[in-house]
Amino acid sequence: MEPRESYRLVSPTELPYAHNPYRCAHRARYVDLLRAECGLAPDGPWPSDATRSNERAAGRSFDASLSCDDRAACPYHRGDWQLAASAAITALGEAEDWDPWGLRDCFEQLALDEATARWAESLLTHPIRWAEGAEYLTNGQHRACALRHSGAPAVPVLTP
């Protein structure tokens, strides 16, 4: 089976919000929002009894709280995700070789700068994994956040 058989194009706005943005510069804000969702004090312990509903609500609130300055401070949000997603979609249909060199050849033909080519490649070699309707991503929370805010109309997602 070829890898592309498992990819599906989805709108980034369909993807779940972050449920534990552990490497995010603004993670403390998420934790405070999660504590509030659980009825705990802002300086309380980690909400170990948080439900998925609490995590989803905190993720939505966290995403809505991100200002332009917050996003500008994040290396993931600095990428040209509209172009990266478009290039990854093109590569799905055109790349003859799925090894990194084959993808790089495809991205060179699209005249992508090095950073955008890396982001596009990441969408295919380290894909966002999500089963439609699932409450969580199993990979790609940071990229999904950046894609959601980029205005990209679609992104390839690996589905089971």
Protein backbone atom coordinates (compact mmCIF):
# COMPACT_ATOMS: atom_id res chain seq x y z
CA MET A 1 0.00 0.00 0.00
CA GLU A 2 1.34 3.43 -0.90
CA PRO A 3 1.47 6.02 1.89
CA ARG A 4 -0.77 8.46 0.06
CA GLU A 5 -3.71 6.06 0.31
CA SER A 6 -4.04 6.94 3.98
CA TYR A 7 -3.97 10.71 3.54
CA ARG A 8 -7.08 12.81 3.57
CA LEU A 9 -7.40 16.55 3.02
CA VAL A 10 -9.13 18.40 5.83
CA SER A 11 -9.63 22.00 6.78
CA PRO A 12 -7.30 22.90 9.66
CA THR A 13 -10.34 24.32 11.45
CA GLU A 14 -11.74 20.76 11.68
CA LEU A 15 -8.74 19.55 13.68
CA PRO A 16 -8.94 19.32 17.47
CA TYR A 17 -7.41 22.05 19.61
CA ALA A 18 -4.27 21.41 21.63
CA HIS A 19 -4.87 19.21 24.66
CA ASN A 20 -1.44 19.58 26.28
CA PRO A 21 0.85 21.97 24.42
CA TYR A 22 3.87 20.85 26.44
CA ARG A 23 6.54 22.57 24.29
CA CYS A 24 4.57 25.76 23.71
CA ALA A 25 6.00 29.01 25.07
CA HIS A 26 2.52 29.77 26.39
CA ARG A 27 1.89 26.40 28.06
CA ALA A 28 1.46 28.01 31.49
CA ARG A 29 -1.59 29.85 30.14
CA TYR A 30 -3.07 26.57 28.93
CA VAL A 31 -2.49 24.99 32.35
CA ASP A 32 -4.19 27.95 34.06
CA LEU A 33 -7.15 27.62 31.71
CA LEU A 34 -7.32 23.89 32.37
CA ARG A 35 -7.21 24.50 36.12
CA ALA A 36 -10.06 27.01 35.76
CA GLU A 37 -12.06 24.45 33.73
CA CYS A 38 -11.60 22.01 36.62
CA GLY A 39 -12.55 24.58 39.24
CA LEU A 40 -9.03 24.78 40.70
CA ALA A 41 -7.09 27.85 41.78
CA PRO A 42 -4.69 29.29 39.17
CA ASP A 43 -1.65 28.35 41.26
CA GLY A 44 -3.00 24.94 42.21
CA PRO A 45 -1.63 21.52 41.33
CA TRP A 46 -1.76 19.97 37.90
CA PRO A 47 -5.40 19.02 37.32
CA SER A 48 -4.79 15.27 37.21
CA ASP A 49 -8.52 14.55 37.25
CA ALA A 50 -9.24 16.71 34.21
CA THR A 51 -11.68 15.14 31.81
CA ARG A 52 -11.41 15.20 28.03
CA SER A 53 -14.21 17.72 28.06
CA ASN A 54 -12.12 19.96 30.36
CA GLU A 55 -9.11 19.57 28.08
CA ARG A 56 -11.12 20.36 24.93
CA ALA A 57 -12.63 23.47 26.53
CA ALA A 58 -9.23 24.64 27.78
CA GLY A 59 -7.75 24.02 24.32
CA ARG A 60 -10.45 26.14 22.66
CA SER A 61 -9.96 28.93 25.21
CA PHE A 62 -6.19 28.72 24.86
CA ASP A 63 -6.37 28.95 21.08
CA ALA A 64 -8.72 31.94 21.26
CA SER A 65 -6.37 33.66 23.73
CA LEU A 66 -3.36 33.62 21.39
CA SER A 67 -2.61 37.15 20.22
CA CYS A 68 -0.68 38.05 17.09
CA ASP A 69 2.36 38.71 19.32
CA ASP A 70 1.94 35.31 21.00
CA ARG A 71 1.89 33.58 17.63
CA ALA A 72 4.83 35.64 16.35
CA ALA A 73 6.90 34.35 19.28
CA CYS A 74 6.32 30.75 18.22
CA PRO A 75 8.63 29.18 15.62
CA TYR A 76 5.75 27.06 14.32
CA HIS A 77 3.63 30.13 13.58
CA ARG A 78 6.45 31.80 11.65
CA GLY A 79 6.16 29.37 8.75
CA ASP A 80 4.24 30.07 5.57
CA TRP A 81 1.71 27.34 6.28
CA GLN A 82 -0.62 28.22 3.41
CA LEU A 83 2.22 27.59 0.97
CA ALA A 84 3.57 24.57 2.89
CA ALA A 85 0.15 22.89 2.96
CA SER A 86 -0.42 23.63 -0.72
CA ALA A 87 3.01 22.19 -1.60
CA ALA A 88 2.37 19.05 0.47
CA ILE A 89 -0.96 18.57 -1.32
CA THR A 90 0.79 18.99 -4.68
CA ALA A 91 3.45 16.47 -3.65
CA LEU A 92 0.76 13.95 -2.73
CA GLY A 93 -0.33 13.94 -6.35
CA GLU A 94 3.00 14.42 -8.10
CA ALA A 95 5.94 13.07 -6.11
CA GLU A 96 7.21 9.90 -7.75
CA ASP A 97 9.44 8.98 -4.85
CA TRP A 98 8.35 9.26 -1.24
CA ASP A 99 11.82 9.28 0.28
CA PRO A 100 12.98 12.69 1.53
CA TRP A 101 15.05 13.24 -1.63
CA GLY A 102 12.07 12.66 -3.89
CA LEU A 103 9.98 15.09 -1.88
CA ARG A 104 12.78 17.65 -1.94
CA ASP A 105 12.95 17.38 -5.73
CA CYS A 106 9.22 18.06 -5.90
CA PHE A 107 9.54 21.06 -3.56
CA GLU A 108 12.51 22.41 -5.55
CA GLN A 109 10.36 22.33 -8.67
CA LEU A 110 7.79 24.38 -6.74
CA ALA A 111 10.56 26.89 -5.88
CA LEU A 112 9.94 26.71 -2.14
CA ASP A 113 12.39 28.37 0.21
CA GLU A 114 14.21 25.99 2.56
CA ALA A 115 12.04 26.66 5.62
CA THR A 116 8.75 26.23 3.75
CA ALA A 117 10.04 23.04 2.12
CA ARG A 118 10.89 21.65 5.60
CA TRP A 119 7.39 22.45 6.88
CA ALA A 120 5.79 20.92 3.78
CA GLU A 121 7.98 17.83 4.09
CA SER A 122 7.03 17.49 7.77
CA LEU A 123 3.37 17.25 6.79
CA LEU A 124 4.18 14.10 4.79
CA THR A 125 7.11 12.47 6.60
CA HIS A 126 5.89 13.25 10.16
CA PRO A 127 2.21 13.68 9.36
CA ILE A 128 -0.52 15.08 11.52
CA ARG A 129 -2.41 11.97 12.60
CA TRP A 130 -6.12 12.18 13.24
CA ALA A 131 -9.16 9.99 12.92
CA GLU A 132 -12.16 12.06 11.85
CA GLY A 133 -14.24 12.90 14.89
CA ALA A 134 -11.49 11.99 17.36
CA GLU A 135 -11.01 14.42 20.22
CA TYR A 136 -7.21 14.44 19.98
CA LEU A 137 -4.41 14.47 17.47
CA THR A 138 -1.82 11.80 18.05
CA ASN A 139 0.84 13.91 16.34
CA GLY A 140 1.02 17.49 15.14
CA GLN A 141 -0.63 19.74 17.74
CA HIS A 142 1.76 22.65 17.13
CA ARG A 143 1.51 22.45 13.35
CA ALA A 144 -2.28 22.14 13.53
CA CYS A 145 -2.40 25.30 15.65
CA ALA A 146 -0.19 27.17 13.18
CA LEU A 147 -2.21 25.88 10.22
CA ARG A 148 -5.51 26.89 11.86
CA HIS A 149 -4.26 30.47 12.22
CA SER A 150 -2.62 30.60 8.79
CA GLY A 151 -5.83 30.52 6.80
CA ALA A 152 -4.72 27.42 4.85
CA PRO A 153 -7.86 25.94 3.31
CA ALA A 154 -6.73 22.31 3.54
CA VAL A 155 -3.96 20.13 4.91
CA PRO A 156 -3.08 16.48 4.33
CA VAL A 157 -3.73 14.40 7.46
CA LEU A 158 -2.86 10.75 7.93
CA THR A 159 -5.95 8.81 8.91
CA PRO A 160 -6.31 5.21 10.05
